[in-house]
C-alpha cells in the first residue's frame, strides 16, 4: 500500500453507470483503511467503507480496468 495517512483525499471509481465517489481517509487499522465517502452532491451525507487497496491515480488492473479507489489529485 502507498503511504496513506488520515486525511488523504481519495476517489472511488465503481465502474460504468455508477458515479464516482469522493472522500477521505478517516482511520487506519491493521493495514485496512476506513474512508468516509460523500453520498450526495452537496457532500453532506457520508458513508464509511473499509478499503484494503488504495492505488495511485492512473493505476490499472492486469486486464486494464480502472475500477478501484485512488488517491485524489486535489
C-alpha atoms as a PDB file:
ATOM      1  CA  UNK A   1       0.000   0.000   0.000  1.00  0.00           C
ATOM      2  CA  UNK A   2       1.143   3.553  -0.676  1.00  0.00           C
ATOM      3  CA  UNK A   3       1.961   5.972   2.110  1.00  0.00           C
ATOM      4  CA  UNK A   4      -1.650   6.707   3.083  1.00  0.00           C
ATOM      5  CA  UNK A   5      -2.414   8.925   6.071  1.00  0.00           C
ATOM      6  CA  UNK A   6      -5.571  10.089   7.822  1.00  0.00           C
ATOM      7  CA  UNK A   7      -6.948  12.993   5.795  1.00  0.00           C
ATOM      8  CA  UNK A   8      -5.739  11.687   2.412  1.00  0.00           C
ATOM      9  CA  UNK A   9      -8.322  12.563  -0.259  1.00  0.00           C
ATOM     10  CA  UNK A  10      -9.481   9.635  -2.403  1.00  0.00           C
ATOM     11  CA  UNK A  11     -11.770   8.891  -5.348  1.00  0.00           C
ATOM     12  CA  UNK A  12     -13.781   5.705  -5.874  1.00  0.00           C
ATOM     13  CA  UNK A  13     -14.333   4.510  -9.442  1.00  0.00           C
ATOM     14  CA  UNK A  14     -17.016   1.823  -9.223  1.00  0.00           C
ATOM     15  CA  UNK A  15     -17.488   1.177 -12.942  1.00  0.00           C
ATOM     16  CA  UNK A  16     -19.851   2.022 -15.757  1.00  0.00           C
ATOM     17  CA  UNK A  17     -23.110   3.786 -14.918  1.00  0.00           C
ATOM     18  CA  UNK A  18     -22.112   4.355 -11.272  1.00  0.00           C
ATOM     19  CA  UNK A  19     -20.963   7.872 -10.377  1.00  0.00           C
ATOM     20  CA  UNK A  20     -17.501   8.483  -8.935  1.00  0.00           C
ATOM     21  CA  UNK A  21     -17.311   8.830  -5.152  1.00  0.00           C
ATOM     22  CA  UNK A  22     -15.127  11.320  -3.346  1.00  0.00           C
ATOM     23  CA  UNK A  23     -13.953  11.044   0.232  1.00  0.00           C
ATOM     24  CA  UNK A  24     -11.079  10.984   2.661  1.00  0.00           C
ATOM     25  CA  UNK A  25      -9.300   8.536   4.923  1.00  0.00           C
ATOM     26  CA  UNK A  26     -10.654   8.731   8.486  1.00  0.00           C
ATOM     27  CA  UNK A  27      -8.796   5.836  10.152  1.00  0.00           C
ATOM     28  CA  UNK A  28      -6.234   3.107   9.536  1.00  0.00           C
ATOM     29  CA  UNK A  29      -6.374  -0.190  11.432  1.00  0.00           C
ATOM     30  CA  UNK A  30      -4.347  -3.328  10.657  1.00  0.00           C
ATOM     31  CA  UNK A  31      -3.469  -2.251   7.086  1.00  0.00           C
ATOM     32  CA  UNK A  32      -7.127  -1.542   6.347  1.00  0.00           C
ATOM     33  CA  UNK A  33      -8.222   1.984   5.605  1.00  0.00           C
ATOM     34  CA  UNK A  34     -11.623   3.407   6.538  1.00  0.00           C
ATOM     35  CA  UNK A  35     -12.802   6.027   4.043  1.00  0.00           C
ATOM     36  CA  UNK A  36     -15.714   8.433   4.542  1.00  0.00           C
ATOM     37  CA  UNK A  37     -17.297   8.870   1.093  1.00  0.00           C
ATOM     38  CA  UNK A  38     -19.769  11.640   0.248  1.00  0.00           C
ATOM     39  CA  UNK A  39     -23.224  10.263  -0.526  1.00  0.00           C
ATOM     40  CA  UNK A  40     -24.696  13.271  -2.291  1.00  0.00           C
ATOM     41  CA  UNK A  41     -23.628  16.158  -4.488  1.00  0.00           C
ATOM     42  CA  UNK A  42     -23.553  18.587  -1.564  1.00  0.00           C
ATOM     43  CA  UNK A  43     -21.222  16.312   0.395  1.00  0.00           C
ATOM     44  CA  UNK A  44     -23.481  16.480   3.440  1.00  0.00           C
ATOM     45  CA  UNK A  45     -24.195  12.783   3.883  1.00  0.00           C
ATOM     46  CA  UNK A  46     -21.346  10.316   4.364  1.00  0.00           C
ATOM     47  CA  UNK A  47     -20.892   6.572   4.441  1.00  0.00           C
ATOM     48  CA  UNK A  48     -17.840   4.708   5.675  1.00  0.00           C
ATOM     49  CA  UNK A  49     -16.179   1.920   3.722  1.00  0.00           C
ATOM     50  CA  UNK A  50     -13.214  -0.262   4.650  1.00  0.00           C
ATOM     51  CA  UNK A  51     -10.664  -0.406   1.835  1.00  0.00           C
ATOM     52  CA  UNK A  52      -7.647  -2.705   1.606  1.00  0.00           C
ATOM     53  CA  UNK A  53      -6.076  -1.262  -1.558  1.00  0.00           C
ATOM     54  CA  UNK A  54      -5.749   2.398  -2.466  1.00  0.00           C
ATOM     55  CA  UNK A  55      -3.982   2.919  -5.762  1.00  0.00           C
ATOM     56  CA  UNK A  56      -2.088   5.864  -7.261  1.00  0.00           C
ATOM     57  CA  UNK A  57      -4.038   7.924  -9.799  1.00  0.00           C
ATOM     58  CA  UNK A  58      -3.947   6.243 -13.214  1.00  0.00           C
ATOM     59  CA  UNK A  59      -3.417   2.681 -11.916  1.00  0.00           C
ATOM     60  CA  UNK A  60      -4.971  -0.130 -13.972  1.00  0.00           C
ATOM     61  CA  UNK A  61      -5.544  -3.776 -13.118  1.00  0.00           C
ATOM     62  CA  UNK A  62      -3.851  -6.576 -15.047  1.00  0.00           C
ATOM     63  CA  UNK A  63      -6.750  -6.599 -17.526  1.00  0.00           C
ATOM     64  CA  UNK A  64      -6.700  -2.792 -17.889  1.00  0.00           C
ATOM     65  CA  UNK A  65      -9.651  -1.958 -15.651  1.00  0.00           C
ATOM     66  CA  UNK A  66      -9.609   1.469 -13.936  1.00  0.00           C
ATOM     67  CA  UNK A  67     -12.050   0.354 -11.207  1.00  0.00           C
ATOM     68  CA  UNK A  68     -10.959   0.876  -7.608  1.00  0.00           C
ATOM     69  CA  UNK A  69     -10.105   3.502  -5.010  1.00  0.00           C
ATOM     70  CA  UNK A  70      -7.407   6.015  -5.908  1.00  0.00           C
ATOM     71  CA  UNK A  71      -5.518   8.858  -4.277  1.00  0.00           C
ATOM     72  CA  UNK A  72      -7.105  12.091  -5.481  1.00  0.00           C
ATOM     73  CA  UNK A  73      -5.014  14.661  -7.323  1.00  0.00           C
ATOM     74  CA  UNK A  74      -6.733  17.511  -5.489  1.00  0.00           C
END
